[in-house]
Amino acid sequence: MYQLYPPIFIVNEETNFPDSWEVFCCKLLNLENKTSDIVRRLPPESGVDLFYPGKKIAFQCKSVETGLTSGFNLTKIKSSYNSALTIKTSLGWTDYVVCVNTELTGAQQENFSKALPNATILTKSYWTTLCEKFPTAVQENFRRIIPIKPQTMEEKIQNGFVDSYSKKLKAMLQTDCFDLLLYSNRHNTVYRLPVSSDFKVSDLLHILRNIFNLPKPTQFSGGVEVALSYSIVHNDKQVTLSKTIGEAGIDKNSVITFWLTMQYSKDDKVAQSTTMQMITMETMRRAANPVQYALDDYKVLISRSFTNADNELLQNRNDTYSDGQ
């Protein structure tokens, strides 16, 4: 199943969703038409985001970041269409196509046809069909989803809390459980994990730290120490640690971010060593900028921790399937 909105959907070279959607539509339309002539137009684009000169087709790309039909905005689409009319002669377009990442209700489709009788609209089902047609080409645009089993959650709870508290958390998981989606700002994988609405956010953070076994504070050359701080972000806001998941408004199929922030400290002392180091260009560069090199090395440790966790979680999932056969 292809989800055409963040965090599952990504375009690595873009920093915002509207631009990502334009790039994605352009790629799929070129694939569908077996051409490379369909191009993006940079602002001011006057209501034409993509243009296919050979067939004189103007494309307008409108996206809803939540992926919900309720976010469909006909007013903005009509405004862009009216802008496109002002350059119709100079650009030379004859057909106008609107590209959206949602489905439409019957009423929305009817209102669109009335407001723009000479335009065509391509909705979510059109784009997901193209994704299925060109799976290799689009695989980089969708994050992998790895499910975290309830047994894994219980194991990490058992190993991460004192016995009395772990029993309490496991009881919550067994009586009041729902799935949510989680991803990290430091890793591309999305995880589907079971939680209880009565978990405190601090409990969830502790469980996640156990699942991913992220690096502890680490000393690097040049007197630099790097460590991580952790938080949960929901609806672009950091969630208070003392709140429960339910109190934070996180419910079934919510998307939350496991936000990792690197922190570093550097002492003022000159590093002492009893062994002679070979002076190389790499050593000189590290000596000149020890903080940046320490942060880069720590990022490698973070990436390695996530990759190892992914492999373990996938193995657990495969073991489950094998046991069930």
C-alpha atoms as a PDB file:
ATOM      1  CA  MET A   1       0.000   0.000   0.000  1.00  0.00           C
ATOM      2  CA  TYR A   2       1.482   3.336  -1.080  1.00  0.00           C
ATOM      3  CA  GLN A   3       0.859   6.282   1.250  1.00  0.00           C
ATOM      4  CA  LEU A   4       1.309   9.529  -0.649  1.00  0.00           C
ATOM      5  CA  TYR A   5       2.082  11.741   2.335  1.00  0.00           C
ATOM      6  CA  PRO A   6       4.763  12.017   5.043  1.00  0.00           C
ATOM      7  CA  PRO A   7       6.390  10.272   6.773  1.00  0.00           C
ATOM      8  CA  ILE A   8       6.044   7.203   4.527  1.00  0.00           C
ATOM      9  CA  PHE A   9       6.394   9.274   1.368  1.00  0.00           C
ATOM     10  CA  ILE A  10       9.721  11.068   0.867  1.00  0.00           C
ATOM     11  CA  VAL A  11      11.739  12.825  -1.816  1.00  0.00           C
ATOM     12  CA  ASN A  12      15.225  13.074  -0.373  1.00  0.00           C
ATOM     13  CA  GLU A  13      16.376  16.012  -2.456  1.00  0.00           C
ATOM     14  CA  GLU A  14      13.465  18.252  -1.369  1.00  0.00           C
ATOM     15  CA  THR A  15      12.852  19.896   2.002  1.00  0.00           C
ATOM     16  CA  ASN A  16       9.092  20.465   1.878  1.00  0.00           C
ATOM     17  CA  PHE A  17       6.108  18.366   0.906  1.00  0.00           C
ATOM     18  CA  PRO A  18       4.616  20.534  -1.908  1.00  0.00           C
ATOM     19  CA  ASP A  19       7.929  20.507  -3.793  1.00  0.00           C
ATOM     20  CA  SER A  20       8.311  16.777  -3.132  1.00  0.00           C
ATOM     21  CA  TRP A  21       4.883  16.140  -4.606  1.00  0.00           C
ATOM     22  CA  GLU A  22       5.745  18.109  -7.763  1.00  0.00           C
ATOM     23  CA  VAL A  23       9.005  16.169  -8.235  1.00  0.00           C
ATOM     24  CA  PHE A  24       7.201  12.862  -7.715  1.00  0.00           C
ATOM     25  CA  CYS A  25       4.394  13.679 -10.154  1.00  0.00           C
ATOM     26  CA  CYS A  26       6.930  14.805 -12.742  1.00  0.00           C
ATOM     27  CA  LYS A  27       8.841  11.529 -12.410  1.00  0.00           C
ATOM     28  CA  LEU A  28       5.764   9.337 -12.725  1.00  0.00           C
ATOM     29  CA  LEU A  29       4.307  11.296 -15.632  1.00  0.00           C
ATOM     30  CA  ASN A  30       7.585  11.020 -17.545  1.00  0.00           C
ATOM     31  CA  LEU A  31       7.662   7.290 -16.864  1.00  0.00           C
ATOM     32  CA  GLU A  32       4.064   6.857 -17.951  1.00  0.00           C
ATOM     33  CA  ASN A  33       4.582   8.810 -21.182  1.00  0.00           C
ATOM     34  CA  LYS A  34       8.016   7.276 -21.863  1.00  0.00           C
ATOM     35  CA  THR A  35       9.604  10.678 -22.154  1.00  0.00           C
ATOM     36  CA  SER A  36      11.817  13.104 -20.273  1.00  0.00           C
ATOM     37  CA  ASP A  37      10.184  16.193 -21.769  1.00  0.00           C
ATOM     38  CA  ILE A  38       7.800  16.925 -18.882  1.00  0.00           C
ATOM     39  CA  VAL A  39       9.550  19.561 -16.784  1.00  0.00           C
ATOM     40  CA  ARG A  40       8.994  21.466 -13.544  1.00  0.00           C
ATOM     41  CA  ARG A  41       8.528  25.219 -13.663  1.00  0.00           C
ATOM     42  CA  LEU A  42      10.034  27.175 -10.791  1.00  0.00           C
ATOM     43  CA  PRO A  43       8.127  30.077  -9.161  1.00  0.00           C
ATOM     44  CA  PRO A  44       6.572  32.252 -10.315  1.00  0.00           C
ATOM     45  CA  GLU A  45       4.962  29.378 -12.191  1.00  0.00           C
ATOM     46  CA  SER A  46       1.581  31.132 -12.754  1.00  0.00           C
ATOM     47  CA  GLY A  47      -0.503  28.068 -11.948  1.00  0.00           C
ATOM     48  CA  VAL A  48       1.506  25.652 -14.126  1.00  0.00           C
ATOM     49  CA  ASP A  49       3.824  23.508 -12.011  1.00  0.00           C
ATOM     50  CA  LEU A  50       4.701  21.018 -14.755  1.00  0.00           C
ATOM     51  CA  PHE A  51       4.559  21.394 -18.532  1.00  0.00           C
ATOM     52  CA  TYR A  52       4.603  18.850 -21.344  1.00  0.00           C
ATOM     53  CA  PRO A  53       5.465  20.879 -24.485  1.00  0.00           C
ATOM     54  CA  GLY A  54       5.040  18.003 -26.918  1.00  0.00           C
ATOM     55  CA  LYS A  55       1.399  17.465 -25.966  1.00  0.00           C
ATOM     56  CA  LYS A  56       0.782  21.039 -24.720  1.00  0.00           C
ATOM     57  CA  ILE A  57      -0.411  19.848 -21.301  1.00  0.00           C
ATOM     58  CA  ALA A  58      -0.184  22.073 -18.224  1.00  0.00           C
ATOM     59  CA  PHE A  59      -0.135  20.341 -14.832  1.00  0.00           C
ATOM     60  CA  GLN A  60      -1.001  21.843 -11.480  1.00  0.00           C
ATOM     61  CA  CYS A  61       0.193  19.863  -8.430  1.00  0.00           C
ATOM     62  CA  LYS A  62      -1.785  20.283  -5.224  1.00  0.00           C
ATOM     63  CA  SER A  63      -0.955  18.217  -2.142  1.00  0.00           C
ATOM     64  CA  VAL A  64      -2.505  17.597   1.267  1.00  0.00           C
ATOM     65  CA  GLU A  65       0.199  16.805   3.823  1.00  0.00           C
ATOM     66  CA  THR A  66      -2.165  14.761   6.001  1.00  0.00           C
ATOM     67  CA  GLY A  67      -3.371  12.736   3.025  1.00  0.00           C
ATOM     68  CA  LEU A  68      -6.962  13.345   4.134  1.00  0.00           C
ATOM     69  CA  THR A  69      -9.745  14.095   1.651  1.00  0.00           C
ATOM     70  CA  SER A  70     -10.946  16.870   3.959  1.00  0.00           C
ATOM     71  CA  GLY A  71      -7.804  18.848   3.080  1.00  0.00           C
ATOM     72  CA  PHE A  72      -8.777  19.148  -0.591  1.00  0.00           C
ATOM     73  CA  ASN A  73      -9.017  22.885  -1.394  1.00  0.00           C
ATOM     74  CA  LEU A  74     -10.960  23.683  -4.549  1.00  0.00           C
ATOM     75  CA  THR A  75     -10.604  27.447  -4.010  1.00  0.00           C
ATOM     76  CA  LYS A  76      -6.805  27.283  -4.295  1.00  0.00           C
ATOM     77  CA  ILE A  77      -7.023  25.013  -7.326  1.00  0.00           C
ATOM     78  CA  LYS A  78      -9.364  27.402  -9.117  1.00  0.00           C
ATOM     79  CA  SER A  79      -7.106  30.349  -8.243  1.00  0.00           C
ATOM     80  CA  SER A  80      -4.118  28.563  -9.795  1.00  0.00           C
ATOM     81  CA  TYR A  81      -6.198  27.691 -12.858  1.00  0.00           C
ATOM     82  CA  ASN A  82      -7.148  31.340 -13.341  1.00  0.00           C
ATOM     83  CA  SER A  83      -3.452  32.265 -13.120  1.00  0.00           C
ATOM     84  CA  ALA A  84      -2.672  29.650 -15.763  1.00  0.00           C
ATOM     85  CA  LEU A  85      -5.244  31.179 -18.097  1.00  0.00           C
ATOM     86  CA  THR A  86      -3.203  34.419 -18.163  1.00  0.00           C
ATOM     87  CA  ILE A  87      -0.237  32.575 -19.706  1.00  0.00           C
ATOM     88  CA  LYS A  88      -2.190  30.135 -21.851  1.00  0.00           C
ATOM     89  CA  THR A  89      -1.303  31.868 -25.116  1.00  0.00           C
ATOM     90  CA  SER A  90       2.323  32.635 -24.280  1.00  0.00           C
ATOM     91  CA  LEU A  91       3.072  29.166 -22.860  1.00  0.00           C
ATOM     92  CA  GLY A  92       0.938  27.401 -25.430  1.00  0.00           C
ATOM     93  CA  TRP A  93      -0.960  24.909 -23.280  1.00  0.00           C
ATOM     94  CA  THR A  94      -4.262  23.447 -24.466  1.00  0.00           C
ATOM     95  CA  ASP A  95      -5.080  20.862 -21.763  1.00  0.00           C
ATOM     96  CA  TYR A  96      -5.035  21.453 -18.007  1.00  0.00           C
ATOM     97  CA  VAL A  97      -4.552  18.625 -15.504  1.00  0.00           C
ATOM     98  CA  VAL A  98      -4.688  18.841 -11.695  1.00  0.00           C
ATOM     99  CA  CYS A  99      -2.600  16.310  -9.731  1.00  0.00           C
ATOM    100  CA  VAL A 100      -3.698  15.625  -6.136  1.00  0.00           C
ATOM    101  CA  ASN A 101      -2.588  13.036  -3.561  1.00  0.00           C
ATOM    102  CA  THR A 102      -6.064  12.413  -2.095  1.00  0.00           C
ATOM    103  CA  GLU A 103      -9.257  10.778  -3.233  1.00  0.00           C
ATOM    104  CA  LEU A 104     -12.394  12.892  -3.714  1.00  0.00           C
ATOM    105  CA  THR A 105     -15.879  12.454  -2.382  1.00  0.00           C
ATOM    106  CA  GLY A 106     -18.715  12.439  -4.891  1.00  0.00           C
ATOM    107  CA  ALA A 107     -19.616  15.996  -3.896  1.00  0.00           C
ATOM    108  CA  GLN A 108     -16.016  17.175  -4.297  1.00  0.00           C
ATOM    109  CA  GLN A 109     -15.777  15.605  -7.745  1.00  0.00           C
ATOM    110  CA  GLU A 110     -19.049  17.251  -8.781  1.00  0.00           C
ATOM    111  CA  ASN A 111     -17.940  20.665  -7.478  1.00  0.00           C
ATOM    112  CA  PHE A 112     -14.623  20.344  -9.299  1.00  0.00           C
ATOM    113  CA  SER A 113     -16.370  19.535 -12.584  1.00  0.00           C
ATOM    114  CA  LYS A 114     -18.632  22.555 -12.190  1.00  0.00           C
ATOM    115  CA  ALA A 115     -15.827  24.938 -11.241  1.00  0.00           C
ATOM    116  CA  LEU A 116     -13.320  23.713 -13.855  1.00  0.00           C
ATOM    117  CA  PRO A 117     -15.304  21.973 -16.619  1.00  0.00           C
ATOM    118  CA  ASN A 118     -12.349  22.041 -19.020  1.00  0.00           C
ATOM    119  CA  ALA A 119      -9.814  20.556 -16.593  1.00  0.00           C
ATOM    120  CA  THR A 120      -8.993  16.972 -15.646  1.00  0.00           C
ATOM    121  CA  ILE A 121      -8.109  15.829 -12.127  1.00  0.00           C
ATOM    122  CA  LEU A 122      -5.866  12.869 -11.279  1.00  0.00           C
ATOM    123  CA  THR A 123      -6.424  11.583  -7.742  1.00  0.00           C
ATOM    124  CA  LYS A 124      -4.658   9.196  -5.358  1.00  0.00           C
ATOM    125  CA  SER A 125      -5.798   5.999  -7.099  1.00  0.00           C
ATOM    126  CA  TYR A 126      -4.241   7.187 -10.360  1.00  0.00           C
ATOM    127  CA  TRP A 127      -0.860   7.731  -8.712  1.00  0.00           C
ATOM    128  CA  THR A 128      -0.882   4.508  -6.711  1.00  0.00           C
ATOM    129  CA  THR A 129      -1.630   2.598  -9.925  1.00  0.00           C
ATOM    130  CA  LEU A 130       1.456   4.166 -11.500  1.00  0.00           C
ATOM    131  CA  CYS A 131       3.462   3.262  -8.393  1.00  0.00           C
ATOM    132  CA  GLU A 132       2.425  -0.368  -8.849  1.00  0.00           C
ATOM    133  CA  LYS A 133       3.385  -0.145 -12.509  1.00  0.00           C
ATOM    134  CA  PHE A 134       6.841   1.275 -11.767  1.00  0.00           C
ATOM    135  CA  PRO A 135       7.729  -0.191  -8.333  1.00  0.00           C
ATOM    136  CA  THR A 136      11.502  -0.092  -8.809  1.00  0.00           C
ATOM    137  CA  ALA A 137      11.502   3.552  -9.839  1.00  0.00           C
ATOM    138  CA  VAL A 138       9.461   4.689  -6.834  1.00  0.00           C
ATOM    139  CA  GLN A 139      10.892   2.467  -4.096  1.00  0.00           C
ATOM    140  CA  GLU A 140      13.247   5.263  -2.973  1.00  0.00           C
ATOM    141  CA  ASN A 141      10.215   7.490  -2.366  1.00  0.00           C
ATOM    142  CA  PHE A 142       8.675   5.305   0.317  1.00  0.00           C
ATOM    143  CA  ARG A 143      10.158   4.512   3.687  1.00  0.00           C
ATOM    144  CA  ARG A 144      10.216   0.877   4.749  1.00  0.00           C
ATOM    145  CA  ILE A 145       7.712   0.003   7.504  1.00  0.00           C
ATOM    146  CA  ILE A 146       8.879  -2.507  10.123  1.00  0.00           C
ATOM    147  CA  PRO A 147       6.357  -3.799  12.671  1.00  0.00           C
ATOM    148  CA  ILE A 148       7.497  -4.114  16.277  1.00  0.00           C
ATOM    149  CA  LYS A 149       5.781  -7.125  17.837  1.00  0.00           C
ATOM    150  CA  PRO A 150       3.984  -6.938  21.209  1.00  0.00           C
ATOM    151  CA  GLN A 151       6.396  -9.642  22.430  1.00  0.00           C
ATOM    152  CA  THR A 152       9.334  -7.357  21.626  1.00  0.00           C
ATOM    153  CA  MET A 153       7.712  -4.485  23.502  1.00  0.00           C
ATOM    154  CA  GLU A 154       7.138  -6.738  26.520  1.00  0.00           C
ATOM    155  CA  GLU A 155      10.723  -7.978  26.404  1.00  0.00           C
ATOM    156  CA  LYS A 156      12.126  -4.448  26.344  1.00  0.00           C
ATOM    157  CA  ILE A 157       9.775  -3.439  29.169  1.00  0.00           C
ATOM    158  CA  GLN A 158      10.882  -6.433  31.237  1.00  0.00           C
ATOM    159  CA  ASN A 159      14.554  -5.613  30.704  1.00  0.00           C
ATOM    160  CA  GLY A 160      14.241  -1.856  31.139  1.00  0.00           C
ATOM    161  CA  PHE A 161      12.235  -1.351  34.340  1.00  0.00           C
ATOM    162  CA  VAL A 162      12.112  -2.701  37.855  1.00  0.00           C
ATOM    163  CA  ASP A 163       9.948  -5.807  38.131  1.00  0.00           C
ATOM    164  CA  SER A 164       6.903  -4.205  39.765  1.00  0.00           C
ATOM    165  CA  TYR A 165       6.735  -1.361  37.245  1.00  0.00           C
ATOM    166  CA  SER A 166       7.371  -3.619  34.249  1.00  0.00           C
ATOM    167  CA  LYS A 167       4.405  -5.791  35.299  1.00  0.00           C
ATOM    168  CA  LYS A 168       2.246  -2.672  35.424  1.00  0.00           C
ATOM    169  CA  LEU A 169       3.303  -1.562  31.925  1.00  0.00           C
ATOM    170  CA  LYS A 170       2.852  -5.035  30.431  1.00  0.00           C
ATOM    171  CA  ALA A 171      -0.639  -5.222  31.937  1.00  0.00           C
ATOM    172  CA  MET A 172      -1.480  -1.915  30.217  1.00  0.00           C
ATOM    173  CA  LEU A 173      -0.216  -3.290  26.920  1.00  0.00           C
ATOM    174  CA  GLN A 174      -2.365  -6.408  27.250  1.00  0.00           C
ATOM    175  CA  THR A 175      -5.614  -4.621  28.126  1.00  0.00           C
ATOM    176  CA  ASP A 176      -5.433  -1.291  26.253  1.00  0.00           C
ATOM    177  CA  CYS A 177      -3.328  -1.596  23.120  1.00  0.00           C
ATOM    178  CA  PHE A 178      -3.273   0.181  19.760  1.00  0.00           C
ATOM    179  CA  ASP A 179      -0.717   0.723  17.002  1.00  0.00           C
ATOM    180  CA  LEU A 180       0.950   3.965  16.033  1.00  0.00           C
ATOM    181  CA  LEU A 181       3.614   4.893  13.484  1.00  0.00           C
ATOM    182  CA  LEU A 182       7.010   6.133  14.599  1.00  0.00           C
ATOM    183  CA  TYR A 183      10.087   7.323  12.799  1.00  0.00           C
ATOM    184  CA  SER A 184      13.249   9.139  13.796  1.00  0.00           C
ATOM    185  CA  ASN A 185      14.833  12.289  12.438  1.00  0.00           C
ATOM    186  CA  ARG A 186      18.054  10.238  12.283  1.00  0.00           C
ATOM    187  CA  HIS A 187      16.805   7.228  10.288  1.00  0.00           C
ATOM    188  CA  ASN A 188      14.594   6.470   7.281  1.00  0.00           C
ATOM    189  CA  THR A 189      12.649   3.432   8.527  1.00  0.00           C
ATOM    190  CA  VAL A 190       9.100   3.816   9.867  1.00  0.00           C
ATOM    191  CA  TYR A 191       8.029   1.527  12.697  1.00  0.00           C
ATOM    192  CA  ARG A 192       4.557   0.310  13.585  1.00  0.00           C
ATOM    193  CA  LEU A 193       4.499  -0.362  17.306  1.00  0.00           C
ATOM    194  CA  PRO A 194       1.851  -1.296  19.879  1.00  0.00           C
ATOM    195  CA  VAL A 195       1.424   1.049  22.848  1.00  0.00           C
ATOM    196  CA  SER A 196      -1.030   1.772  25.626  1.00  0.00           C
ATOM    197  CA  SER A 197      -2.694   5.165  25.971  1.00  0.00           C
ATOM    198  CA  ASP A 198      -1.749   4.973  29.675  1.00  0.00           C
ATOM    199  CA  PHE A 199       1.996   4.780  28.980  1.00  0.00           C
ATOM    200  CA  LYS A 200       3.798   7.909  30.063  1.00  0.00           C
ATOM    201  CA  VAL A 201       5.802   9.547  27.306  1.00  0.00           C
ATOM    202  CA  SER A 202       8.910   9.038  29.453  1.00  0.00           C
ATOM    203  CA  ASP A 203       8.097   5.292  29.575  1.00  0.00           C
ATOM    204  CA  LEU A 204       7.829   5.146  25.789  1.00  0.00           C
ATOM    205  CA  LEU A 205      11.164   6.933  25.380  1.00  0.00           C
ATOM    206  CA  HIS A 206      12.824   4.465  27.719  1.00  0.00           C
ATOM    207  CA  ILE A 207      11.398   1.520  25.767  1.00  0.00           C
ATOM    208  CA  LEU A 208      12.551   2.993  22.445  1.00  0.00           C
ATOM    209  CA  ARG A 209      16.055   3.540  23.763  1.00  0.00           C
ATOM    210  CA  ASN A 210      16.158  -0.156  24.673  1.00  0.00           C
ATOM    211  CA  ILE A 211      14.793  -1.260  21.298  1.00  0.00           C
ATOM    212  CA  PHE A 212      17.332   0.715  19.274  1.00  0.00           C
ATOM    213  CA  ASN A 213      20.267   0.405  21.699  1.00  0.00           C
ATOM    214  CA  LEU A 214      21.519   3.849  20.735  1.00  0.00           C
ATOM    215  CA  PRO A 215      25.087   4.886  21.598  1.00  0.00           C
ATOM    216  CA  LYS A 216      25.902   6.097  25.077  1.00  0.00           C
ATOM    217  CA  PRO A 217      27.897   9.306  25.682  1.00  0.00           C
ATOM    218  CA  THR A 218      31.196   8.821  23.857  1.00  0.00           C
ATOM    219  CA  GLN A 219      34.584  10.468  24.188  1.00  0.00           C
ATOM    220  CA  PHE A 220      36.448  11.424  21.011  1.00  0.00           C
ATOM    221  CA  SER A 221      39.893  12.823  20.335  1.00  0.00           C
ATOM    222  CA  GLY A 222      40.379  16.499  21.037  1.00  0.00           C
ATOM    223  CA  GLY A 223      38.548  16.317  24.359  1.00  0.00           C
ATOM    224  CA  VAL A 224      35.096  16.170  22.734  1.00  0.00           C
ATOM    225  CA  GLU A 225      32.254  14.209  24.317  1.00  0.00           C
ATOM    226  CA  VAL A 226      29.060  13.605  22.336  1.00  0.00           C
ATOM    227  CA  ALA A 227      25.763  12.379  23.751  1.00  0.00           C
ATOM    228  CA  LEU A 228      22.101  12.162  22.766  1.00  0.00           C
ATOM    229  CA  SER A 229      18.986  13.721  24.228  1.00  0.00           C
ATOM    230  CA  TYR A 230      15.604  12.199  23.398  1.00  0.00           C
ATOM    231  CA  SER A 231      12.077  13.508  22.925  1.00  0.00           C
ATOM    232  CA  ILE A 232       8.765  12.598  21.312  1.00  0.00           C
ATOM    233  CA  VAL A 233       7.306  15.031  18.768  1.00  0.00           C
ATOM    234  CA  HIS A 234       3.642  14.932  17.765  1.00  0.00           C
ATOM    235  CA  ASN A 235       1.932  17.446  15.472  1.00  0.00           C
ATOM    236  CA  ASP A 236       5.206  19.404  15.308  1.00  0.00           C
ATOM    237  CA  LYS A 237       5.320  19.871  19.080  1.00  0.00           C
ATOM    238  CA  GLN A 238       7.545  18.247  21.675  1.00  0.00           C
ATOM    239  CA  VAL A 239       5.404  16.227  24.068  1.00  0.00           C
ATOM    240  CA  THR A 240       5.798  16.704  27.833  1.00  0.00           C
ATOM    241  CA  LEU A 241       7.480  13.670  29.385  1.00  0.00           C
ATOM    242  CA  SER A 242       5.075  13.445  32.327  1.00  0.00           C
ATOM    243  CA  LYS A 243       1.981  13.198  30.110  1.00  0.00           C
ATOM    244  CA  THR A 244       0.451   9.894  29.158  1.00  0.00           C
ATOM    245  CA  ILE A 245       0.191   9.013  25.495  1.00  0.00           C
ATOM    246  CA  GLY A 246      -3.568   9.537  25.724  1.00  0.00           C
ATOM    247  CA  GLU A 247      -3.203  12.935  27.408  1.00  0.00           C
ATOM    248  CA  ALA A 248      -0.837  13.990  24.621  1.00  0.00           C
ATOM    249  CA  GLY A 249      -3.581  13.330  22.038  1.00  0.00           C
ATOM    250  CA  ILE A 250      -1.706  10.409  20.480  1.00  0.00           C
ATOM    251  CA  ASP A 251      -4.147   7.754  19.323  1.00  0.00           C
ATOM    252  CA  LYS A 252      -4.470   4.877  16.865  1.00  0.00           C
ATOM    253  CA  ASN A 253      -2.388   5.337  13.712  1.00  0.00           C
ATOM    254  CA  SER A 254      -0.947   8.640  14.913  1.00  0.00           C
ATOM    255  CA  VAL A 255       2.471   9.488  13.535  1.00  0.00           C
ATOM    256  CA  ILE A 256       5.091  10.493  16.067  1.00  0.00           C
ATOM    257  CA  THR A 257       8.775  11.345  15.759  1.00  0.00           C
ATOM    258  CA  PHE A 258      11.489   9.873  17.954  1.00  0.00           C
ATOM    259  CA  TRP A 259      13.568  13.034  17.980  1.00  0.00           C
ATOM    260  CA  LEU A 260      17.283  12.697  18.660  1.00  0.00           C
ATOM    261  CA  THR A 261      19.448  15.715  19.414  1.00  0.00           C
ATOM    262  CA  MET A 262      23.226  15.440  19.534  1.00  0.00           C
ATOM    263  CA  GLN A 263      24.886  17.394  22.313  1.00  0.00           C
ATOM    264  CA  TYR A 264      28.598  17.868  22.780  1.00  0.00           C
ATOM    265  CA  SER A 265      31.061  19.325  25.255  1.00  0.00           C
ATOM    266  CA  LYS A 266      34.752  20.124  24.803  1.00  0.00           C
ATOM    267  CA  ASP A 267      37.239  20.637  27.572  1.00  0.00           C
ATOM    268  CA  ASP A 268      39.973  23.249  27.524  1.00  0.00           C
ATOM    269  CA  LYS A 269      42.758  20.855  28.356  1.00  0.00           C
ATOM    270  CA  VAL A 270      45.389  19.748  25.895  1.00  0.00           C
ATOM    271  CA  ALA A 271      45.031  16.045  25.208  1.00  0.00           C
ATOM    272  CA  GLN A 272      47.976  14.037  26.497  1.00  0.00           C
ATOM    273  CA  SER A 273      49.170  10.813  24.905  1.00  0.00           C
ATOM    274  CA  THR A 274      51.972   8.406  25.793  1.00  0.00           C
ATOM    275  CA  THR A 275      52.185   7.079  22.239  1.00  0.00           C
ATOM    276  CA  MET A 276      53.453   8.946  19.217  1.00  0.00           C
ATOM    277  CA  GLN A 277      50.786   9.495  16.567  1.00  0.00           C
ATOM    278  CA  MET A 278      51.584   9.454  12.894  1.00  0.00           C
ATOM    279  CA  ILE A 279      50.970  12.931  11.485  1.00  0.00           C
ATOM    280  CA  THR A 280      48.703  12.558   8.469  1.00  0.00           C
ATOM    281  CA  MET A 281      46.381  14.919   6.626  1.00  0.00           C
ATOM    282  CA  GLU A 282      43.453  13.207   8.335  1.00  0.00           C
ATOM    283  CA  THR A 283      45.026  13.746  11.772  1.00  0.00           C
ATOM    284  CA  MET A 284      45.649  17.400  10.964  1.00  0.00           C
ATOM    285  CA  ARG A 285      42.078  17.921   9.803  1.00  0.00           C
ATOM    286  CA  ARG A 286      40.691  16.287  12.927  1.00  0.00           C
ATOM    287  CA  ALA A 287      42.949  18.408  15.122  1.00  0.00           C
ATOM    288  CA  ALA A 288      41.772  21.557  13.361  1.00  0.00           C
ATOM    289  CA  ASN A 289      38.064  20.744  13.739  1.00  0.00           C
ATOM    290  CA  PRO A 290      37.626  18.080  16.453  1.00  0.00           C
ATOM    291  CA  VAL A 291      33.966  18.880  17.185  1.00  0.00           C
ATOM    292  CA  GLN A 292      32.760  18.342  13.613  1.00  0.00           C
ATOM    293  CA  TYR A 293      34.684  15.091  13.277  1.00  0.00           C
ATOM    294  CA  ALA A 294      33.347  13.873  16.619  1.00  0.00           C
ATOM    295  CA  LEU A 295      29.769  14.631  15.547  1.00  0.00           C
ATOM    296  CA  ASP A 296      30.295  12.886  12.208  1.00  0.00           C
ATOM    297  CA  ASP A 297      31.723   9.806  13.934  1.00  0.00           C
ATOM    298  CA  TYR A 298      28.834   9.775  16.396  1.00  0.00           C
ATOM    299  CA  LYS A 299      26.329   9.887  13.522  1.00  0.00           C
ATOM    300  CA  VAL A 300      27.916   6.686  12.224  1.00  0.00           C
ATOM    301  CA  LEU A 301      27.322   5.048  15.615  1.00  0.00           C
ATOM    302  CA  ILE A 302      23.676   6.169  15.576  1.00  0.00           C
ATOM    303  CA  SER A 303      23.162   4.820  12.061  1.00  0.00           C
ATOM    304  CA  ARG A 304      24.764   1.516  13.009  1.00  0.00           C
ATOM    305  CA  SER A 305      22.460   1.161  16.026  1.00  0.00           C
ATOM    306  CA  PHE A 306      19.337   1.705  13.920  1.00  0.00           C
ATOM    307  CA  THR A 307      20.544  -0.679  11.210  1.00  0.00           C
ATOM    308  CA  ASN A 308      21.277  -3.409  13.756  1.00  0.00           C
ATOM    309  CA  ALA A 309      17.842  -2.882  15.347  1.00  0.00           C
ATOM    310  CA  ASP A 310      16.149  -3.094  11.922  1.00  0.00           C
ATOM    311  CA  ASN A 311      17.883  -6.388  11.182  1.00  0.00           C
ATOM    312  CA  GLU A 312      16.885  -7.799  14.554  1.00  0.00           C
ATOM    313  CA  LEU A 313      13.265  -6.679  14.209  1.00  0.00           C
ATOM    314  CA  LEU A 314      13.033  -8.120  10.704  1.00  0.00           C
ATOM    315  CA  GLN A 315      14.496 -11.404  11.940  1.00  0.00           C
ATOM    316  CA  ASN A 316      11.920 -11.502  14.725  1.00  0.00           C
ATOM    317  CA  ARG A 317       9.172 -10.943  12.186  1.00  0.00           C
ATOM    318  CA  ASN A 318      10.472 -13.740   9.946  1.00  0.00           C
ATOM    319  CA  ASP A 319      10.709 -16.058  12.934  1.00  0.00           C
ATOM    320  CA  THR A 320       7.055 -15.335  13.706  1.00  0.00           C
ATOM    321  CA  TYR A 321       6.020 -16.220  10.152  1.00  0.00           C
ATOM    322  CA  SER A 322       8.079 -19.421  10.265  1.00  0.00           C
ATOM    323  CA  ASP A 323       6.522 -20.466  13.555  1.00  0.00           C
ATOM    324  CA  GLY A 324       3.065 -19.972  12.105  1.00  0.00           C
ATOM    325  CA  GLN A 325       3.615 -22.206   9.104  1.00  0.00           C
END
